[in-house]
């Protein structure tokens, strides 16, 4: 997906109420408030949130991004991924998962 005029790699997390990007990206935006989230093994944490335009397959939509706690951010970075996109993705795209064909497809709403 394209964020802040850069193409970034994301994990798609079907259970994430928030999406996440590193502070190096979100610091360029004004906060839209704070939210609590939860991650197994880490527990509950609070994060600043940022509403950032995001482009995917020619469709632009606004995603509410937070910042992960440092340990989780480091794990994400070590995976070669720039962020996690969660629930906001499903508000803007229909997602079809075909286990039989090992495929996932998307269609803008």
N, C-alpha and C. Protein backbone atom coordinates (compact mmCIF):
# COMPACT_ATOMS: atom_id res chain seq x y z
N UNK A 1 0.86 -1.16 0.00
CA UNK A 1 0.00 0.00 0.00
C UNK A 1 0.90 1.22 0.00
N UNK A 2 0.35 2.33 -0.43
CA UNK A 2 1.12 3.57 -0.50
C UNK A 2 0.67 4.51 0.61
N UNK A 3 1.62 4.91 1.43
CA UNK A 3 1.37 5.83 2.54
C UNK A 3 2.47 6.88 2.52
N UNK A 4 2.09 8.15 2.63
CA UNK A 4 3.08 9.22 2.70
C UNK A 4 3.99 9.20 1.46
N UNK A 5 3.39 8.93 0.30
CA UNK A 5 4.10 8.86 -0.99
C UNK A 5 5.16 7.77 -1.06
N UNK A 6 5.03 6.74 -0.24
CA UNK A 6 5.96 5.61 -0.27
C UNK A 6 5.17 4.31 -0.28
N UNK A 7 5.66 3.35 -1.06
CA UNK A 7 5.06 2.02 -1.03
C UNK A 7 5.63 1.26 0.15
N UNK A 8 4.73 0.73 0.98
CA UNK A 8 5.12 0.02 2.20
C UNK A 8 4.50 -1.37 2.20
N UNK A 9 5.15 -2.29 2.90
CA UNK A 9 4.64 -3.66 3.05
C UNK A 9 3.85 -3.75 4.35
N UNK A 10 2.70 -4.45 4.28
CA UNK A 10 1.83 -4.60 5.45
C UNK A 10 1.44 -6.06 5.66
N UNK A 11 1.25 -6.39 6.93
CA UNK A 11 0.53 -7.61 7.29
C UNK A 11 -0.95 -7.22 7.35
N UNK A 12 -1.84 -8.10 6.90
CA UNK A 12 -3.27 -7.90 7.03
C UNK A 12 -3.71 -8.70 8.26
N UNK A 13 -4.19 -7.99 9.28
CA UNK A 13 -4.59 -8.63 10.53
C UNK A 13 -6.10 -8.52 10.68
N UNK A 14 -6.79 -9.64 10.47
CA UNK A 14 -8.25 -9.65 10.50
C UNK A 14 -8.82 -9.33 11.88
N UNK A 15 -8.01 -9.46 12.92
CA UNK A 15 -8.50 -9.22 14.27
C UNK A 15 -8.06 -7.90 14.88
N UNK A 16 -7.34 -7.08 14.12
CA UNK A 16 -6.81 -5.82 14.66
C UNK A 16 -7.82 -4.69 14.52
N UNK A 17 -8.19 -4.09 15.64
CA UNK A 17 -9.12 -2.95 15.57
C UNK A 17 -8.40 -1.69 15.09
N UNK A 18 -7.10 -1.62 15.32
CA UNK A 18 -6.28 -0.52 14.84
C UNK A 18 -5.25 -1.04 13.85
N UNK A 19 -4.77 -0.15 13.01
CA UNK A 19 -3.66 -0.46 12.13
C UNK A 19 -2.42 0.19 12.73
N UNK A 20 -1.24 -0.23 12.28
CA UNK A 20 -0.01 0.26 12.90
C UNK A 20 1.05 0.59 11.88
N UNK A 21 1.75 1.69 12.15
CA UNK A 21 2.92 2.12 11.39
C UNK A 21 3.97 2.60 12.37
N UNK A 22 5.20 2.66 11.90
CA UNK A 22 6.27 3.14 12.79
C UNK A 22 6.13 4.65 13.02
N UNK A 23 6.68 5.08 14.11
CA UNK A 23 6.65 6.49 14.48
C UNK A 23 7.36 7.35 13.44
N UNK A 24 8.31 6.77 12.70
CA UNK A 24 9.01 7.54 11.67
C UNK A 24 8.05 8.02 10.58
N UNK A 25 6.93 7.32 10.38
CA UNK A 25 5.92 7.74 9.42
C UNK A 25 4.86 8.61 10.10
N UNK A 26 4.36 8.18 11.24
CA UNK A 26 3.23 8.89 11.88
C UNK A 26 3.63 10.24 12.46
N UNK A 27 4.90 10.45 12.73
CA UNK A 27 5.29 11.74 13.34
C UNK A 27 5.04 12.93 12.41
N UNK A 28 4.80 12.66 11.13
CA UNK A 28 4.52 13.72 10.17
C UNK A 28 3.05 14.14 10.18
N UNK A 29 2.24 13.54 11.06
CA UNK A 29 0.80 13.78 11.08
C UNK A 29 0.35 14.24 12.47
N UNK A 30 -0.79 14.91 12.49
CA UNK A 30 -1.38 15.39 13.75
C UNK A 30 -2.16 14.24 14.38
N UNK A 31 -2.01 14.08 15.67
CA UNK A 31 -2.71 13.00 16.38
C UNK A 31 -4.23 13.24 16.36
N UNK A 32 -4.96 12.13 16.30
CA UNK A 32 -6.42 12.21 16.38
C UNK A 32 -6.91 11.69 17.73
N UNK A 33 -5.99 11.51 18.67
CA UNK A 33 -6.33 11.05 20.01
C UNK A 33 -5.59 9.78 20.37
N UNK A 34 -5.95 9.21 21.51
CA UNK A 34 -5.32 7.99 21.99
C UNK A 34 -6.35 6.87 22.07
N UNK A 35 -5.87 5.65 21.91
CA UNK A 35 -6.73 4.47 22.07
C UNK A 35 -5.96 3.38 22.78
N UNK A 36 -6.72 2.52 23.46
CA UNK A 36 -6.13 1.34 24.08
C UNK A 36 -6.26 0.17 23.13
N UNK A 37 -5.26 -0.69 23.15
CA UNK A 37 -5.30 -1.91 22.35
C UNK A 37 -4.68 -3.02 23.20
N UNK A 38 -4.71 -4.22 22.66
CA UNK A 38 -4.21 -5.39 23.40
C UNK A 38 -3.44 -6.28 22.44
N UNK A 39 -2.33 -6.82 22.93
CA UNK A 39 -1.58 -7.80 22.15
C UNK A 39 -1.19 -8.94 23.10
N UNK A 40 -1.49 -10.19 22.71
CA UNK A 40 -1.13 -11.33 23.58
C UNK A 40 0.36 -11.33 23.91
N UNK A 41 0.67 -11.58 25.15
CA UNK A 41 2.07 -11.60 25.59
C UNK A 41 2.58 -10.24 26.04
N UNK A 42 1.97 -9.18 25.53
CA UNK A 42 2.34 -7.81 25.92
C UNK A 42 1.29 -7.24 26.85
N UNK A 43 0.03 -7.57 26.56
CA UNK A 43 -1.07 -7.05 27.36
C UNK A 43 -1.63 -5.78 26.75
N UNK A 44 -2.32 -5.01 27.58
CA UNK A 44 -2.96 -3.78 27.14
C UNK A 44 -1.92 -2.67 27.04
N UNK A 45 -2.06 -1.83 26.02
CA UNK A 45 -1.18 -0.67 25.87
C UNK A 45 -1.98 0.47 25.25
N UNK A 46 -1.47 1.67 25.40
CA UNK A 46 -2.12 2.86 24.87
C UNK A 46 -1.24 3.43 23.76
N UNK A 47 -1.88 3.94 22.72
CA UNK A 47 -1.13 4.50 21.60
C UNK A 47 -1.78 5.77 21.08
N UNK A 48 -0.96 6.70 20.60
CA UNK A 48 -1.46 7.85 19.87
C UNK A 48 -1.98 7.33 18.53
N UNK A 49 -3.03 7.94 18.01
CA UNK A 49 -3.59 7.52 16.73
C UNK A 49 -3.48 8.66 15.72
N UNK A 50 -3.41 8.26 14.45
CA UNK A 50 -3.25 9.19 13.36
C UNK A 50 -4.10 8.72 12.18
N UNK A 51 -4.92 9.60 11.63
CA UNK A 51 -5.74 9.24 10.49
C UNK A 51 -4.99 9.65 9.23
N UNK A 52 -4.56 8.65 8.46
CA UNK A 52 -3.64 8.88 7.34
C UNK A 52 -4.22 8.30 6.05
N UNK A 53 -4.29 9.12 5.00
CA UNK A 53 -4.73 8.60 3.70
C UNK A 53 -3.80 7.48 3.23
N UNK A 54 -4.39 6.42 2.71
CA UNK A 54 -3.65 5.23 2.28
C UNK A 54 -4.20 4.81 0.92
N UNK A 55 -3.31 4.41 0.03
CA UNK A 55 -3.70 4.02 -1.32
C UNK A 55 -3.44 2.54 -1.52
N UNK A 56 -4.47 1.83 -2.01
CA UNK A 56 -4.34 0.41 -2.31
C UNK A 56 -5.11 0.11 -3.59
N UNK A 57 -4.43 -0.47 -4.56
CA UNK A 57 -5.07 -0.87 -5.82
C UNK A 57 -5.87 0.28 -6.44
N UNK A 58 -5.33 1.50 -6.39
CA UNK A 58 -6.00 2.65 -7.00
C UNK A 58 -7.09 3.28 -6.18
N UNK A 59 -7.39 2.74 -5.01
CA UNK A 59 -8.42 3.30 -4.13
C UNK A 59 -7.77 3.92 -2.90
N UNK A 60 -8.14 5.17 -2.63
CA UNK A 60 -7.61 5.84 -1.43
C UNK A 60 -8.65 5.77 -0.32
N UNK A 61 -8.20 5.49 0.88
CA UNK A 61 -9.07 5.46 2.04
C UNK A 61 -8.27 5.90 3.25
N UNK A 62 -8.95 6.35 4.29
CA UNK A 62 -8.29 6.83 5.50
C UNK A 62 -8.19 5.68 6.49
N UNK A 63 -6.99 5.50 7.03
CA UNK A 63 -6.74 4.45 8.01
C UNK A 63 -6.32 5.09 9.32
N UNK A 64 -6.86 4.57 10.42
CA UNK A 64 -6.45 5.02 11.75
C UNK A 64 -5.27 4.16 12.18
N UNK A 65 -4.08 4.77 12.18
CA UNK A 65 -2.85 4.09 12.56
C UNK A 65 -2.43 4.48 13.97
N UNK A 66 -1.89 3.52 14.68
CA UNK A 66 -1.25 3.77 15.96
C UNK A 66 0.21 3.36 15.84
N UNK A 67 0.94 3.49 16.95
CA UNK A 67 2.33 3.05 17.03
C UNK A 67 2.40 1.87 17.98
N UNK A 68 3.10 0.83 17.57
CA UNK A 68 3.27 -0.36 18.42
C UNK A 68 4.25 -0.07 19.55
N UNK A 69 4.14 -0.80 20.66
CA UNK A 69 5.18 -0.73 21.68
C UNK A 69 6.53 -1.13 21.05
N UNK A 70 7.64 -0.61 21.56
CA UNK A 70 8.95 -0.84 20.94
C UNK A 70 9.29 -2.30 20.63
N UNK A 71 8.99 -3.23 21.52
CA UNK A 71 9.31 -4.64 21.28
C UNK A 71 8.54 -5.18 20.08
N UNK A 72 7.27 -4.85 19.97
CA UNK A 72 6.47 -5.30 18.83
C UNK A 72 6.92 -4.63 17.54
N UNK A 73 7.26 -3.35 17.61
CA UNK A 73 7.73 -2.64 16.42
C UNK A 73 9.03 -3.26 15.92
N UNK A 74 9.91 -3.62 16.83
CA UNK A 74 11.18 -4.24 16.45
C UNK A 74 10.93 -5.58 15.76
N UNK A 75 9.98 -6.36 16.28
CA UNK A 75 9.63 -7.65 15.69
C UNK A 75 9.08 -7.45 14.27
N UNK A 76 8.25 -6.44 14.10
CA UNK A 76 7.69 -6.13 12.80
C UNK A 76 8.80 -5.74 11.81
N UNK A 77 9.69 -4.88 12.25
CA UNK A 77 10.80 -4.43 11.41
C UNK A 77 11.69 -5.61 11.01
N UNK A 78 11.95 -6.51 11.95
CA UNK A 78 12.80 -7.67 11.67
C UNK A 78 12.12 -8.61 10.67
N UNK A 79 10.80 -8.54 10.56
CA UNK A 79 10.05 -9.36 9.60
C UNK A 79 10.08 -8.78 8.19
N UNK A 80 10.65 -7.59 8.06
CA UNK A 80 10.70 -6.94 6.75
C UNK A 80 9.39 -6.30 6.34
N UNK A 81 8.55 -6.01 7.34
CA UNK A 81 7.23 -5.43 7.09
C UNK A 81 7.18 -4.05 7.74
N UNK A 82 6.51 -3.11 7.05
CA UNK A 82 6.45 -1.74 7.54
C UNK A 82 5.28 -1.45 8.47
N UNK A 83 4.22 -2.25 8.37
CA UNK A 83 3.05 -1.96 9.18
C UNK A 83 2.06 -3.11 9.21
N UNK A 84 1.00 -2.86 9.96
CA UNK A 84 -0.12 -3.80 10.07
C UNK A 84 -1.37 -3.03 9.70
N UNK A 85 -2.16 -3.59 8.81
CA UNK A 85 -3.45 -2.97 8.50
C UNK A 85 -4.53 -3.88 9.05
N UNK A 86 -5.47 -3.26 9.74
CA UNK A 86 -6.52 -4.02 10.41
C UNK A 86 -7.90 -3.70 9.87
N UNK A 87 -8.82 -3.46 10.79
CA UNK A 87 -10.25 -3.33 10.50
C UNK A 87 -10.59 -2.31 9.43
N UNK A 88 -9.88 -1.18 9.38
CA UNK A 88 -10.19 -0.15 8.39
C UNK A 88 -10.15 -0.70 6.97
N UNK A 89 -9.28 -1.67 6.72
CA UNK A 89 -9.19 -2.28 5.39
C UNK A 89 -10.52 -2.92 5.01
N UNK A 90 -11.14 -3.61 5.95
CA UNK A 90 -12.39 -4.32 5.69
C UNK A 90 -13.58 -3.38 5.56
N UNK A 91 -13.44 -2.15 6.03
CA UNK A 91 -14.49 -1.15 5.82
C UNK A 91 -14.51 -0.63 4.39
N UNK A 92 -13.40 -0.82 3.67
CA UNK A 92 -13.27 -0.25 2.33
C UNK A 92 -13.11 -1.28 1.22
N UNK A 93 -12.87 -2.53 1.59
CA UNK A 93 -12.66 -3.57 0.59
C UNK A 93 -13.40 -4.84 0.98
N UNK A 94 -13.93 -5.52 -0.04
CA UNK A 94 -14.46 -6.86 0.16
C UNK A 94 -13.27 -7.80 0.00
N UNK A 95 -13.14 -8.73 0.90
CA UNK A 95 -12.01 -9.65 0.89
C UNK A 95 -12.54 -11.07 0.76
N UNK A 96 -11.98 -11.80 -0.20
CA UNK A 96 -12.36 -13.20 -0.40
C UNK A 96 -11.12 -14.05 -0.21
N UNK A 97 -11.22 -15.02 0.67
CA UNK A 97 -10.12 -15.93 0.96
C UNK A 97 -10.49 -17.31 0.41
N UNK A 98 -9.68 -17.81 -0.51
CA UNK A 98 -9.91 -19.13 -1.07
C UNK A 98 -8.82 -20.07 -0.56
N UNK A 99 -9.16 -20.87 0.43
CA UNK A 99 -8.19 -21.83 0.97
C UNK A 99 -7.86 -22.92 -0.05
N UNK A 100 -8.85 -23.29 -0.83
CA UNK A 100 -8.66 -24.34 -1.83
C UNK A 100 -7.62 -23.92 -2.88
N UNK A 101 -7.66 -22.65 -3.28
CA UNK A 101 -6.74 -22.13 -4.30
C UNK A 101 -5.55 -21.38 -3.72
N UNK A 102 -5.49 -21.29 -2.39
CA UNK A 102 -4.41 -20.56 -1.72
C UNK A 102 -4.31 -19.12 -2.23
N UNK A 103 -5.46 -18.44 -2.32
CA UNK A 103 -5.52 -17.09 -2.85
C UNK A 103 -6.37 -16.20 -1.96
N UNK A 104 -6.04 -14.91 -2.01
CA UNK A 104 -6.85 -13.88 -1.37
C UNK A 104 -7.08 -12.82 -2.42
N UNK A 105 -8.31 -12.35 -2.53
CA UNK A 105 -8.62 -11.31 -3.51
C UNK A 105 -9.38 -10.17 -2.83
N UNK A 106 -9.28 -8.98 -3.44
CA UNK A 106 -9.85 -7.77 -2.86
C UNK A 106 -10.65 -7.03 -3.92
N UNK A 107 -11.70 -6.35 -3.46
CA UNK A 107 -12.49 -5.52 -4.35
C UNK A 107 -12.95 -4.30 -3.54
N UNK A 108 -12.72 -3.12 -4.08
CA UNK A 108 -13.13 -1.89 -3.38
C UNK A 108 -14.65 -1.86 -3.26
N UNK A 109 -15.13 -1.41 -2.10
CA UNK A 109 -16.59 -1.27 -1.88
C UNK A 109 -17.14 -0.16 -2.73
